C-alpha atoms as a PDB file:
ATOM      1  CA  MET A   1      42.117 -36.753  50.255  1.00  0.00           C
ATOM      2  CA  ALA A   2      45.555 -37.661  49.344  1.00  0.00           C
ATOM      3  CA  PHE A   3      48.509 -38.034  47.158  1.00  0.00           C
ATOM      4  CA  ASN A   4      50.935 -40.664  46.069  1.00  0.00           C
ATOM      5  CA  ASP A   5      53.076 -42.359  48.595  1.00  0.00           C
ATOM      6  CA  THR A   6      56.047 -43.502  46.526  1.00  0.00           C
ATOM      7  CA  LEU A   7      57.083 -39.916  46.278  1.00  0.00           C
ATOM      8  CA  ARG A   8      58.477 -40.515  43.296  1.00  0.00           C
ATOM      9  CA  ILE A   9      55.192 -38.607  43.142  1.00  0.00           C
ATOM     10  CA  LEU A  10      56.317 -35.137  43.531  1.00  0.00           C
ATOM     11  CA  LEU A  11      57.151 -31.989  41.855  1.00  0.00           C
ATOM     12  CA  PRO A  12      59.751 -29.601  40.692  1.00  0.00           C
ATOM     13  CA  PHE A  13      60.312 -28.050  44.099  1.00  0.00           C
ATOM     14  CA  LEU A  14      63.272 -25.939  43.117  1.00  0.00           C
ATOM     15  CA  PHE A  15      61.432 -24.532  40.107  1.00  0.00           C
ATOM     16  CA  LEU A  16      58.403 -23.560  42.145  1.00  0.00           C
ATOM     17  CA  THR A  17      60.459 -22.009  44.934  1.00  0.00           C
ATOM     18  CA  GLN A  18      62.257 -19.869  42.387  1.00  0.00           C
ATOM     19  CA  CYS A  19      58.924 -18.979  40.784  1.00  0.00           C
ATOM     20  CA  LEU A  20      57.496 -17.806  44.106  1.00  0.00           C
ATOM     21  CA  GLN A  21      60.673 -15.938  45.052  1.00  0.00           C
ATOM     22  CA  ASN A  22      60.728 -14.110  41.734  1.00  0.00           C
ATOM     23  CA  PHE A  23      57.032 -13.300  41.860  1.00  0.00           C
ATOM     24  CA  VAL A  24      56.443  -9.578  41.450  1.00  0.00           C
ATOM     25  CA  ARG A  25      53.397  -8.167  43.174  1.00  0.00           C
ATOM     26  CA  GLY A  26      50.890  -6.631  40.815  1.00  0.00           C
ATOM     27  CA  GLU A  27      47.511  -7.355  39.347  1.00  0.00           C
ATOM     28  CA  PRO A  28      46.537 -11.063  39.399  1.00  0.00           C
ATOM     29  CA  GLN A  29      46.568 -12.902  36.079  1.00  0.00           C
ATOM     30  CA  VAL A  30      42.789 -13.328  36.343  1.00  0.00           C
ATOM     31  CA  PRO A  31      40.255 -11.079  38.105  1.00  0.00           C
ATOM     32  CA  CYS A  32      38.851 -13.764  40.390  1.00  0.00           C
ATOM     33  CA  TYR A  33      39.374 -17.312  41.587  1.00  0.00           C
ATOM     34  CA  PHE A  34      36.800 -19.800  42.886  1.00  0.00           C
ATOM     35  CA  ILE A  35      37.546 -23.043  44.739  1.00  0.00           C
ATOM     36  CA  PHE A  36      35.338 -26.125  45.198  1.00  0.00           C
ATOM     37  CA  GLY A  37      36.175 -29.419  46.841  1.00  0.00           C
ATOM     38  CA  ASP A  38      36.989 -31.319  50.004  1.00  0.00           C
ATOM     39  CA  SER A  39      39.443 -31.191  52.907  1.00  0.00           C
ATOM     40  CA  LEU A  40      42.440 -30.924  50.609  1.00  0.00           C
ATOM     41  CA  VAL A  41      41.352 -27.338  49.959  1.00  0.00           C
ATOM     42  CA  ASP A  42      38.896 -26.466  52.765  1.00  0.00           C
ATOM     43  CA  SER A  43      40.040 -23.211  54.347  1.00  0.00           C
ATOM     44  CA  GLY A  44      37.495 -22.973  57.153  1.00  0.00           C
ATOM     45  CA  ASN A  45      34.020 -23.760  55.828  1.00  0.00           C
ATOM     46  CA  ASN A  46      33.634 -26.663  58.276  1.00  0.00           C
ATOM     47  CA  ASN A  47      34.686 -24.697  61.349  1.00  0.00           C
ATOM     48  CA  GLN A  48      31.153 -23.935  62.566  1.00  0.00           C
ATOM     49  CA  LEU A  49      29.526 -27.152  61.386  1.00  0.00           C
ATOM     50  CA  ASN A  50      28.512 -30.014  63.669  1.00  0.00           C
ATOM     51  CA  THR A  51      31.126 -32.416  62.340  1.00  0.00           C
ATOM     52  CA  GLN A  52      34.205 -34.382  63.309  1.00  0.00           C
ATOM     53  CA  ALA A  53      35.878 -33.146  60.129  1.00  0.00           C
ATOM     54  CA  LYS A  54      37.475 -29.966  61.446  1.00  0.00           C
ATOM     55  CA  ALA A  55      40.992 -28.573  61.495  1.00  0.00           C
ATOM     56  CA  ASN A  56      40.542 -25.303  63.396  1.00  0.00           C
ATOM     57  CA  TYR A  57      42.950 -26.237  66.154  1.00  0.00           C
ATOM     58  CA  LEU A  58      46.649 -26.786  66.661  1.00  0.00           C
ATOM     59  CA  PRO A  59      48.773 -28.416  65.379  1.00  0.00           C
ATOM     60  CA  TYR A  60      46.985 -27.600  62.092  1.00  0.00           C
ATOM     61  CA  GLY A  61      48.222 -24.260  60.794  1.00  0.00           C
ATOM     62  CA  VAL A  62      51.395 -24.421  62.891  1.00  0.00           C
ATOM     63  CA  ASP A  63      53.311 -22.759  60.035  1.00  0.00           C
ATOM     64  CA  PHE A  64      50.452 -20.719  58.546  1.00  0.00           C
ATOM     65  CA  PRO A  65      50.624 -16.929  59.068  1.00  0.00           C
ATOM     66  CA  GLU A  66      47.021 -16.791  60.266  1.00  0.00           C
ATOM     67  CA  GLY A  67      47.286 -19.858  62.501  1.00  0.00           C
ATOM     68  CA  PHE A  68      44.714 -22.667  62.659  1.00  0.00           C
ATOM     69  CA  THR A  69      42.113 -21.465  60.172  1.00  0.00           C
ATOM     70  CA  GLY A  70      40.567 -24.825  59.288  1.00  0.00           C
ATOM     71  CA  ARG A  71      43.157 -25.915  56.719  1.00  0.00           C
ATOM     72  CA  PHE A  72      44.044 -29.616  56.999  1.00  0.00           C
ATOM     73  CA  THR A  73      47.789 -29.106  56.779  1.00  0.00           C
ATOM     74  CA  ASN A  74      50.623 -27.343  58.548  1.00  0.00           C
ATOM     75  CA  ASN A  75      50.581 -24.337  56.228  1.00  0.00           C
ATOM     76  CA  ARG A  76      49.056 -23.721  52.770  1.00  0.00           C
ATOM     77  CA  THR A  77      46.694 -25.862  50.717  1.00  0.00           C
ATOM     78  CA  ILE A  78      47.220 -26.629  47.030  1.00  0.00           C
ATOM     79  CA  THR A  79      44.733 -23.951  46.004  1.00  0.00           C
ATOM     80  CA  ASP A  80      46.349 -21.382  48.313  1.00  0.00           C
ATOM     81  CA  ILE A  81      49.601 -21.875  46.414  1.00  0.00           C
ATOM     82  CA  ILE A  82      47.911 -21.834  43.011  1.00  0.00           C
ATOM     83  CA  GLY A  83      46.364 -18.523  44.047  1.00  0.00           C
ATOM     84  CA  GLN A  84      49.803 -17.151  44.872  1.00  0.00           C
ATOM     85  CA  LEU A  85      51.127 -18.309  41.503  1.00  0.00           C
ATOM     86  CA  LEU A  86      48.178 -16.599  39.820  1.00  0.00           C
ATOM     87  CA  GLY A  87      49.222 -13.382  41.523  1.00  0.00           C
ATOM     88  CA  PHE A  88      46.658 -13.058  44.314  1.00  0.00           C
ATOM     89  CA  GLU A  89      48.237 -11.234  47.209  1.00  0.00           C
ATOM     90  CA  ASP A  90      45.752 -12.552  49.794  1.00  0.00           C
ATOM     91  CA  PHE A  91      44.293 -16.006  50.245  1.00  0.00           C
ATOM     92  CA  ILE A  92      40.781 -16.565  48.886  1.00  0.00           C
ATOM     93  CA  PRO A  93      38.389 -16.513  51.877  1.00  0.00           C
ATOM     94  CA  PRO A  94      35.912 -19.280  52.717  1.00  0.00           C
ATOM     95  CA  PHE A  95      32.224 -18.845  51.917  1.00  0.00           C
ATOM     96  CA  ALA A  96      31.407 -19.351  55.608  1.00  0.00           C
ATOM     97  CA  ASN A  97      33.109 -16.053  56.486  1.00  0.00           C
ATOM     98  CA  LYS A  98      30.221 -14.168  54.838  1.00  0.00           C
ATOM     99  CA  MET A  99      32.747 -11.603  53.616  1.00  0.00           C
ATOM    100  CA  GLU A 100      31.741  -8.471  51.784  1.00  0.00           C
ATOM    101  CA  ASP A 101      34.589  -8.559  49.270  1.00  0.00           C
ATOM    102  CA  ILE A 102      33.539 -11.462  47.048  1.00  0.00           C
ATOM    103  CA  ILE A 103      34.527  -9.905  43.771  1.00  0.00           C
ATOM    104  CA  ARG A 104      37.953 -11.572  43.688  1.00  0.00           C
ATOM    105  CA  GLY A 105      36.755 -15.044  44.610  1.00  0.00           C
ATOM    106  CA  VAL A 106      35.375 -17.448  47.196  1.00  0.00           C
ATOM    107  CA  ASN A 107      36.412 -20.838  48.566  1.00  0.00           C
ATOM    108  CA  TYR A 108      33.415 -23.201  48.961  1.00  0.00           C
ATOM    109  CA  ALA A 109      35.323 -26.413  49.808  1.00  0.00           C
ATOM    110  CA  SER A 110      34.161 -28.576  52.695  1.00  0.00           C
ATOM    111  CA  ALA A 111      36.031 -31.370  54.442  1.00  0.00           C
ATOM    112  CA  VAL A 112      34.633 -34.907  54.069  1.00  0.00           C
ATOM    113  CA  SER A 113      32.287 -33.775  51.273  1.00  0.00           C
ATOM    114  CA  GLY A 114      31.999 -35.459  47.908  1.00  0.00           C
ATOM    115  CA  ILE A 115      30.273 -35.626  44.568  1.00  0.00           C
ATOM    116  CA  ARG A 116      27.482 -37.698  46.109  1.00  0.00           C
ATOM    117  CA  ASP A 117      25.310 -35.893  48.640  1.00  0.00           C
ATOM    118  CA  GLU A 118      25.461 -38.628  51.276  1.00  0.00           C
ATOM    119  CA  THR A 119      29.250 -38.943  51.249  1.00  0.00           C
ATOM    120  CA  GLY A 120      30.813 -38.231  54.639  1.00  0.00           C
ATOM    121  CA  LYS A 121      27.540 -38.241  56.601  1.00  0.00           C
ATOM    122  CA  GLN A 122      28.998 -40.544  59.251  1.00  0.00           C
ATOM    123  CA  GLN A 123      31.250 -37.680  60.402  1.00  0.00           C
ATOM    124  CA  GLY A 124      28.444 -35.156  60.657  1.00  0.00           C
ATOM    125  CA  ASP A 125      27.566 -32.045  58.711  1.00  0.00           C
ATOM    126  CA  ARG A 126      29.415 -31.162  55.529  1.00  0.00           C
ATOM    127  CA  ILE A 127      28.745 -29.197  52.356  1.00  0.00           C
ATOM    128  CA  PRO A 128      28.447 -31.580  49.362  1.00  0.00           C
ATOM    129  CA  LEU A 129      29.473 -30.394  45.919  1.00  0.00           C
ATOM    130  CA  ASN A 130      25.828 -29.825  44.946  1.00  0.00           C
ATOM    131  CA  GLU A 131      25.421 -27.437  47.881  1.00  0.00           C
ATOM    132  CA  GLN A 132      28.723 -25.736  47.094  1.00  0.00           C
ATOM    133  CA  LEU A 133      27.381 -25.048  43.624  1.00  0.00           C
ATOM    134  CA  ARG A 134      24.202 -23.584  45.116  1.00  0.00           C
ATOM    135  CA  ASN A 135      26.340 -21.366  47.354  1.00  0.00           C
ATOM    136  CA  HIS A 136      28.177 -20.193  44.268  1.00  0.00           C
ATOM    137  CA  LEU A 137      24.880 -19.115  42.709  1.00  0.00           C
ATOM    138  CA  ILE A 138      24.382 -16.876  45.749  1.00  0.00           C
ATOM    139  CA  THR A 139      27.786 -15.346  45.027  1.00  0.00           C
ATOM    140  CA  VAL A 140      26.932 -14.894  41.338  1.00  0.00           C
ATOM    141  CA  LEU A 141      23.745 -13.038  42.265  1.00  0.00           C
ATOM    142  CA  ARG A 142      25.700 -10.792  44.627  1.00  0.00           C
ATOM    143  CA  ILE A 143      28.308 -10.042  41.952  1.00  0.00           C
ATOM    144  CA  THR A 144      25.501  -9.281  39.488  1.00  0.00           C
ATOM    145  CA  LYS A 145      24.051  -6.829  42.003  1.00  0.00           C
ATOM    146  CA  ILE A 146      27.463  -5.204  42.538  1.00  0.00           C
ATOM    147  CA  MET A 147      27.984  -4.812  38.785  1.00  0.00           C
ATOM    148  CA  LYS A 148      24.362  -3.766  38.207  1.00  0.00           C
ATOM    149  CA  SER A 149      24.248  -5.927  35.081  1.00  0.00           C
ATOM    150  CA  ALA A 150      23.866  -9.645  34.436  1.00  0.00           C
ATOM    151  CA  SER A 151      25.796  -9.245  31.195  1.00  0.00           C
ATOM    152  CA  ALA A 152      28.724  -7.502  32.895  1.00  0.00           C
ATOM    153  CA  ALA A 153      28.806 -10.129  35.642  1.00  0.00           C
ATOM    154  CA  ARG A 154      28.769 -12.932  33.082  1.00  0.00           C
ATOM    155  CA  GLN A 155      31.652 -11.408  31.120  1.00  0.00           C
ATOM    156  CA  TYR A 156      33.603 -10.911  34.356  1.00  0.00           C
ATOM    157  CA  LEU A 157      33.094 -14.479  35.607  1.00  0.00           C
ATOM    158  CA  GLN A 158      34.156 -15.950  32.289  1.00  0.00           C
ATOM    159  CA  LYS A 159      37.652 -14.553  32.865  1.00  0.00           C
ATOM    160  CA  CYS A 160      38.054 -16.193  36.289  1.00  0.00           C
ATOM    161  CA  ILE A 161      39.812 -19.438  37.262  1.00  0.00           C
ATOM    162  CA  TYR A 162      37.784 -22.206  38.899  1.00  0.00           C
ATOM    163  CA  VAL A 163      39.456 -25.185  40.596  1.00  0.00           C
ATOM    164  CA  VAL A 164      37.574 -28.310  41.675  1.00  0.00           C
ATOM    165  CA  ILE A 165      39.218 -31.018  43.802  1.00  0.00           C
ATOM    166  CA  THR A 166      36.704 -33.686  44.803  1.00  0.00           C
ATOM    167  CA  GLY A 167      35.888 -37.395  44.539  1.00  0.00           C
ATOM    168  CA  ASN A 168      38.341 -38.550  47.201  1.00  0.00           C
ATOM    169  CA  ASN A 169      35.687 -38.922  49.891  1.00  0.00           C
ATOM    170  CA  ASP A 170      33.294 -40.730  47.609  1.00  0.00           C
ATOM    171  CA  TYR A 171      35.741 -43.592  48.058  1.00  0.00           C
ATOM    172  CA  ILE A 172      37.296 -42.976  51.491  1.00  0.00           C
ATOM    173  CA  ASN A 173      34.047 -41.933  53.181  1.00  0.00           C
ATOM    174  CA  ASN A 174      31.478 -43.810  51.131  1.00  0.00           C
ATOM    175  CA  TYR A 175      32.339 -46.747  48.869  1.00  0.00           C
ATOM    176  CA  PHE A 176      34.907 -48.235  51.254  1.00  0.00           C
ATOM    177  CA  VAL A 177      32.788 -47.810  54.404  1.00  0.00           C
ATOM    178  CA  PRO A 178      30.383 -50.738  53.857  1.00  0.00           C
ATOM    179  CA  ASP A 179      29.047 -50.700  57.421  1.00  0.00           C
ATOM    180  CA  ILE A 180      27.372 -47.347  56.708  1.00  0.00           C
ATOM    181  CA  TYR A 181      27.032 -47.034  52.934  1.00  0.00           C
ATOM    182  CA  PRO A 182      25.493 -49.680  50.637  1.00  0.00           C
ATOM    183  CA  THR A 183      27.308 -48.467  47.509  1.00  0.00           C
ATOM    184  CA  SER A 184      29.914 -51.241  47.429  1.00  0.00           C
ATOM    185  CA  ARG A 185      27.112 -53.834  47.570  1.00  0.00           C
ATOM    186  CA  LEU A 186      25.001 -52.105  44.942  1.00  0.00           C
ATOM    187  CA  TYR A 187      27.731 -51.321  42.412  1.00  0.00           C
ATOM    188  CA  THR A 188      30.892 -52.894  41.112  1.00  0.00           C
ATOM    189  CA  PRO A 189      33.893 -50.520  41.182  1.00  0.00           C
ATOM    190  CA  GLN A 190      33.393 -49.832  37.472  1.00  0.00           C
ATOM    191  CA  GLN A 191      29.684 -49.144  37.877  1.00  0.00           C
ATOM    192  CA  PHE A 192      30.362 -46.814  40.791  1.00  0.00           C
ATOM    193  CA  ALA A 193      33.030 -44.930  38.814  1.00  0.00           C
ATOM    194  CA  ASP A 194      30.705 -44.645  35.803  1.00  0.00           C
ATOM    195  CA  GLY A 195      27.859 -43.263  37.907  1.00  0.00           C
ATOM    196  CA  LEU A 196      30.142 -40.899  39.785  1.00  0.00           C
ATOM    197  CA  ALA A 197      31.542 -39.527  36.522  1.00  0.00           C
ATOM    198  CA  ARG A 198      28.033 -38.976  35.117  1.00  0.00           C
ATOM    199  CA  GLN A 199      26.974 -37.070  38.209  1.00  0.00           C
ATOM    200  CA  TYR A 200      30.197 -35.047  38.198  1.00  0.00           C
ATOM    201  CA  SER A 201      29.710 -34.166  34.531  1.00  0.00           C
ATOM    202  CA  ASN A 202      26.268 -32.749  35.305  1.00  0.00           C
ATOM    203  CA  GLN A 203      27.662 -30.760  38.236  1.00  0.00           C
ATOM    204  CA  LEU A 204      30.413 -29.293  36.067  1.00  0.00           C
ATOM    205  CA  LYS A 205      27.780 -28.331  33.503  1.00  0.00           C
ATOM    206  CA  ASP A 206      25.905 -26.525  36.283  1.00  0.00           C
ATOM    207  CA  LEU A 207      29.127 -24.657  37.069  1.00  0.00           C
ATOM    208  CA  TYR A 208      29.466 -23.735  33.385  1.00  0.00           C
ATOM    209  CA  PHE A 209      25.894 -22.450  33.217  1.00  0.00           C
ATOM    210  CA  SER A 210      26.536 -20.291  36.295  1.00  0.00           C
ATOM    211  CA  GLY A 211      29.186 -18.468  34.262  1.00  0.00           C
ATOM    212  CA  ALA A 212      32.391 -20.503  34.627  1.00  0.00           C
ATOM    213  CA  ARG A 213      34.552 -21.090  31.570  1.00  0.00           C
ATOM    214  CA  LYS A 214      38.120 -21.668  32.815  1.00  0.00           C
ATOM    215  CA  VAL A 215      37.844 -24.745  35.037  1.00  0.00           C
ATOM    216  CA  ALA A 216      40.632 -27.039  36.284  1.00  0.00           C
ATOM    217  CA  ILE A 217      39.553 -30.366  37.781  1.00  0.00           C
ATOM    218  CA  PHE A 218      41.942 -32.599  39.717  1.00  0.00           C
ATOM    219  CA  GLY A 219      41.841 -36.388  39.571  1.00  0.00           C
ATOM    220  CA  VAL A 220      41.716 -38.565  42.676  1.00  0.00           C
ATOM    221  CA  GLY A 221      45.245 -39.401  43.803  1.00  0.00           C
ATOM    222  CA  LEU A 222      46.597 -42.711  45.043  1.00  0.00           C
ATOM    223  CA  ILE A 223      44.522 -42.492  48.191  1.00  0.00           C
ATOM    224  CA  GLY A 224      45.256 -46.106  49.072  1.00  0.00           C
ATOM    225  CA  LEU A 225      48.824 -45.137  49.903  1.00  0.00           C
ATOM    226  CA  THR A 226      47.973 -42.626  52.614  1.00  0.00           C
ATOM    227  CA  PRO A 227      49.014 -43.664  56.141  1.00  0.00           C
ATOM    228  CA  GLU A 228      45.406 -43.911  57.334  1.00  0.00           C
ATOM    229  CA  ILE A 229      44.221 -46.147  54.488  1.00  0.00           C
ATOM    230  CA  ILE A 230      47.265 -48.403  54.785  1.00  0.00           C
ATOM    231  CA  GLY A 231      46.494 -48.654  58.493  1.00  0.00           C
ATOM    232  CA  ARG A 232      42.891 -49.661  57.764  1.00  0.00           C
ATOM    233  CA  PHE A 233      43.398 -51.986  54.798  1.00  0.00           C
ATOM    234  CA  GLY A 234      46.968 -53.205  55.145  1.00  0.00           C
ATOM    235  CA  ALA A 235      48.104 -55.182  52.109  1.00  0.00           C
ATOM    236  CA  ASN A 236      44.678 -54.646  50.495  1.00  0.00           C
ATOM    237  CA  TYR A 237      45.286 -50.914  50.022  1.00  0.00           C
ATOM    238  CA  SER A 238      45.682 -51.458  46.276  1.00  0.00           C
ATOM    239  CA  MET A 239      41.957 -52.150  45.854  1.00  0.00           C
ATOM    240  CA  VAL A 240      41.264 -48.586  47.023  1.00  0.00           C
ATOM    241  CA  ASN A 241      43.718 -47.192  44.479  1.00  0.00           C
ATOM    242  CA  ASP A 242      42.365 -49.396  41.707  1.00  0.00           C
ATOM    243  CA  ALA A 243      38.759 -48.367  42.324  1.00  0.00           C
ATOM    244  CA  ALA A 244      39.543 -44.654  42.523  1.00  0.00           C
ATOM    245  CA  GLN A 245      41.666 -44.822  39.387  1.00  0.00           C
ATOM    246  CA  LEU A 246      38.664 -46.117  37.432  1.00  0.00           C
ATOM    247  CA  PHE A 247      37.017 -42.787  38.196  1.00  0.00           C
ATOM    248  CA  SER A 248      40.087 -40.653  37.479  1.00  0.00           C
ATOM    249  CA  ASN A 249      40.547 -42.406  34.136  1.00  0.00           C
ATOM    250  CA  LYS A 250      37.169 -41.041  33.063  1.00  0.00           C
ATOM    251  CA  LEU A 251      37.991 -37.410  33.780  1.00  0.00           C
ATOM    252  CA  LEU A 252      40.080 -36.517  30.729  1.00  0.00           C
ATOM    253  CA  PRO A 253      37.405 -37.888  28.351  1.00  0.00           C
ATOM    254  CA  LEU A 254      34.842 -35.998  30.443  1.00  0.00           C
ATOM    255  CA  VAL A 255      36.830 -32.762  30.044  1.00  0.00           C
ATOM    256  CA  ASN A 256      37.172 -33.290  26.301  1.00  0.00           C
ATOM    257  CA  ASP A 257      33.439 -33.907  25.998  1.00  0.00           C
ATOM    258  CA  LEU A 258      32.565 -30.733  27.913  1.00  0.00           C
ATOM    259  CA  ASN A 259      34.939 -28.658  25.799  1.00  0.00           C
ATOM    260  CA  SER A 260      33.443 -30.107  22.620  1.00  0.00           C
ATOM    261  CA  HIS A 261      29.803 -29.499  23.495  1.00  0.00           C
ATOM    262  CA  LEU A 262      29.767 -26.322  25.608  1.00  0.00           C
ATOM    263  CA  THR A 263      30.442 -23.087  23.745  1.00  0.00           C
ATOM    264  CA  GLY A 264      33.544 -21.324  25.026  1.00  0.00           C
ATOM    265  CA  ALA A 265      34.269 -23.986  27.655  1.00  0.00           C
ATOM    266  CA  LYS A 266      37.921 -24.345  28.671  1.00  0.00           C
ATOM    267  CA  PHE A 267      37.954 -27.260  31.103  1.00  0.00           C
ATOM    268  CA  THR A 268      41.275 -28.922  31.871  1.00  0.00           C
ATOM    269  CA  TYR A 269      42.281 -32.064  33.756  1.00  0.00           C
ATOM    270  CA  ILE A 270      45.099 -32.163  36.300  1.00  0.00           C
ATOM    271  CA  ASN A 271      46.480 -35.701  36.352  1.00  0.00           C
ATOM    272  CA  THR A 272      47.173 -36.124  40.057  1.00  0.00           C
ATOM    273  CA  THR A 273      48.394 -39.717  39.860  1.00  0.00           C
ATOM    274  CA  GLY A 274      50.494 -38.955  36.809  1.00  0.00           C
ATOM    275  CA  ILE A 275      52.458 -36.153  38.405  1.00  0.00           C
ATOM    276  CA  THR A 276      55.796 -37.766  39.151  1.00  0.00           C
ATOM    277  CA  VAL A 277      59.388 -36.716  39.621  1.00  0.00           C
ATOM    278  CA  THR A 278      62.751 -38.206  38.925  1.00  0.00           C
ATOM    279  CA  SER A 279      64.308 -40.312  41.637  1.00  0.00           C
ATOM    280  CA  ASN A 280      66.894 -37.651  42.482  1.00  0.00           C
ATOM    281  CA  ASP A 281      64.299 -34.974  43.196  1.00  0.00           C
ATOM    282  CA  SER A 282      64.840 -33.239  46.507  1.00  0.00           C
ATOM    283  CA  LEU A 283      61.464 -34.504  47.750  1.00  0.00           C
ATOM    284  CA  SER A 284      61.932 -38.162  46.890  1.00  0.00           C
ATOM    285  CA  LEU A 285      63.441 -38.847  50.315  1.00  0.00           C
ATOM    286  CA  LEU A 286      60.446 -37.591  52.288  1.00  0.00           C
ATOM    287  CA  ASN A 287      59.037 -39.794  55.040  1.00  0.00           C
ATOM    288  CA  THR A 288      55.886 -41.243  53.465  1.00  0.00           C
ATOM    289  CA  GLN A 289      55.172 -43.885  56.107  1.00  0.00           C
ATOM    290  CA  ASP A 290      54.612 -41.790  59.215  1.00  0.00           C
ATOM    291  CA  THR A 291      52.306 -38.871  59.945  1.00  0.00           C
ATOM    292  CA  CYS A 292      53.798 -35.610  61.127  1.00  0.00           C
ATOM    293  CA  CYS A 293      51.216 -35.270  63.908  1.00  0.00           C
ATOM    294  CA  PRO A 294      49.768 -37.968  66.181  1.00  0.00           C
ATOM    295  CA  VAL A 295      46.349 -38.905  64.774  1.00  0.00           C
ATOM    296  CA  VAL A 296      42.937 -39.758  66.210  1.00  0.00           C
ATOM    297  CA  GLN A 297      42.220 -43.449  65.687  1.00  0.00           C
ATOM    298  CA  ASP A 298      39.781 -44.200  62.838  1.00  0.00           C
ATOM    299  CA  LEU A 299      39.615 -40.525  61.826  1.00  0.00           C
ATOM    300  CA  GLY A 300      43.153 -39.829  60.694  1.00  0.00           C
ATOM    301  CA  THR A 301      43.053 -36.212  61.856  1.00  0.00           C
ATOM    302  CA  CYS A 302      45.573 -34.692  64.258  1.00  0.00           C
ATOM    303  CA  VAL A 303      45.057 -35.142  67.986  1.00  0.00           C
ATOM    304  CA  PRO A 304      44.023 -31.673  69.221  1.00  0.00           C
ATOM    305  CA  GLY A 305      46.893 -29.828  70.872  1.00  0.00           C
ATOM    306  CA  SER A 306      49.438 -32.506  70.034  1.00  0.00           C
ATOM    307  CA  THR A 307      53.032 -31.736  69.117  1.00  0.00           C
ATOM    308  CA  PRO A 308      53.841 -32.237  65.431  1.00  0.00           C
ATOM    309  CA  CYS A 309      57.147 -33.353  63.973  1.00  0.00           C
ATOM    310  CA  THR A 310      59.888 -30.758  64.292  1.00  0.00           C
ATOM    311  CA  ASP A 311      60.917 -30.602  60.627  1.00  0.00           C
ATOM    312  CA  ARG A 312      57.739 -30.560  58.544  1.00  0.00           C
ATOM    313  CA  THR A 313      59.778 -30.373  55.340  1.00  0.00           C
ATOM    314  CA  GLN A 314      60.817 -33.998  55.810  1.00  0.00           C
ATOM    315  CA  TYR A 315      57.291 -35.471  55.901  1.00  0.00           C
ATOM    316  CA  ALA A 316      54.896 -36.129  53.040  1.00  0.00           C
ATOM    317  CA  TYR A 317      51.770 -36.350  55.219  1.00  0.00           C
ATOM    318  CA  PHE A 318      50.829 -33.996  58.014  1.00  0.00           C
ATOM    319  CA  ASP A 319      48.051 -36.284  59.288  1.00  0.00           C
ATOM    320  CA  GLY A 320      46.675 -39.600  58.096  1.00  0.00           C
ATOM    321  CA  PHE A 321      45.293 -38.212  54.837  1.00  0.00           C
ATOM    322  CA  HIS A 322      46.565 -34.722  54.090  1.00  0.00           C
ATOM    323  CA  PRO A 323      49.875 -33.597  52.601  1.00  0.00           C
ATOM    324  CA  THR A 324      52.292 -31.175  54.185  1.00  0.00           C
ATOM    325  CA  ASP A 325      52.946 -27.757  52.683  1.00  0.00           C
ATOM    326  CA  VAL A 326      56.059 -28.965  50.882  1.00  0.00           C
ATOM    327  CA  VAL A 327      54.035 -31.610  49.006  1.00  0.00           C
ATOM    328  CA  ASN A 328      51.195 -29.173  48.302  1.00  0.00           C
ATOM    329  CA  GLU A 329      53.716 -26.741  46.868  1.00  0.00           C
ATOM    330  CA  GLY A 330      55.023 -29.376  44.512  1.00  0.00           C
ATOM    331  CA  PHE A 331      51.655 -30.484  43.207  1.00  0.00           C
ATOM    332  CA  ALA A 332      50.471 -26.906  42.820  1.00  0.00           C
ATOM    333  CA  GLY A 333      53.608 -26.126  40.840  1.00  0.00           C
ATOM    334  CA  ARG A 334      53.040 -28.967  38.403  1.00  0.00           C
ATOM    335  CA  ALA A 335      49.358 -28.071  38.011  1.00  0.00           C
ATOM    336  CA  TYR A 336      50.213 -24.441  37.354  1.00  0.00           C
ATOM    337  CA  ASN A 337      53.207 -25.055  35.084  1.00  0.00           C
ATOM    338  CA  GLU A 338      53.357 -28.596  33.758  1.00  0.00           C
ATOM    339  CA  LYS A 339      56.658 -30.440  33.754  1.00  0.00           C
ATOM    340  CA  LEU A 340      55.349 -33.185  31.458  1.00  0.00           C
ATOM    341  CA  PRO A 341      52.528 -33.029  28.899  1.00  0.00           C
ATOM    342  CA  SER A 342      50.692 -35.677  30.929  1.00  0.00           C
ATOM    343  CA  ASP A 343      50.531 -33.415  34.006  1.00  0.00           C
ATOM    344  CA  ALA A 344      47.674 -31.320  32.647  1.00  0.00           C
ATOM    345  CA  SER A 345      45.428 -31.754  29.627  1.00  0.00           C
ATOM    346  CA  PRO A 346      44.687 -29.900  27.436  1.00  0.00           C
ATOM    347  CA  TYR A 347      46.585 -27.155  29.279  1.00  0.00           C
ATOM    348  CA  ASP A 348      48.085 -26.268  32.637  1.00  0.00           C
ATOM    349  CA  ILE A 349      46.652 -23.536  34.845  1.00  0.00           C
ATOM    350  CA  SER A 350      49.146 -20.881  33.759  1.00  0.00           C
ATOM    351  CA  ARG A 351      48.004 -21.300  30.169  1.00  0.00           C
ATOM    352  CA  LEU A 352      44.368 -21.541  31.229  1.00  0.00           C
ATOM    353  CA  ALA A 353      44.739 -18.115  32.849  1.00  0.00           C
ATOM    354  CA  ARG A 354      46.023 -16.650  29.586  1.00  0.00           C
ATOM    355  CA  LEU A 355      43.226 -18.028  27.389  1.00  0.00           C
END
């Protein structure tokens, strides 16, 4: 659940702001947009679950037009902003809302979930990636019914954008919680990363066989540099980064393999840890040490009803794990329109939409 602390990890803020300001309302660049993942992009799917991983209270959403919807930030998530850049006028609703209008997309993401089914169980209920994929099959069947043709639904879905942001909790809320999970005793970091990548590859194939073709997957960021992990591990935070990077390093080869073996597949990898900015970027002076809101000990989420920092544009992290809107905007901008070739491979999301 996180992004780089040096903030020398951040984005072309001025470019993205101009892009959003110049955006002309019209038809979206793709007909629909589906979102899978964890708390970085959960927009309310955990609200009614029996879990500690919730954000449907203030100060979350303090700057969001709809208030505290379940987003783990002060305003928009990364995928909210990507949706805006793709031309969607409204935010993609969560699956839990049981909305009627599913034809333009659904958000299935669930806080504290992961690639592995057991990940996050110590915090209560959550919707693992496998279950999110099953929920998507429900949506596909509903779209097929709406279109009265499996062929028409398949052709429609192949034009859509799919974003998957997961894997963070398989480290934060699994591998590095040895009192609850045995994974760190059963597997070396390399073995765990290898197994996680194999499972993820199979899940992405399931997504492909449900109709997806244009899929952007995000790597795990430098989660060891989040305020909460530094608070837990101190000087040993680097072992969290090192372990997670073993997994992220496998994702570009995974994407290339999927594209080579699945007909019509257009998977792309967003290099979260590789997205950097020059030292004079307007965001390089953000406060990366402190959280914007007071946090609950050992959870890293905001204390309910607490008062957040006054100027959210000066903080990298809203709580112990999750970025503020200004950071989300930067990462979304680089994912959508790469600044460096290493940001996205083989293509950024703007090009993916045009394919």
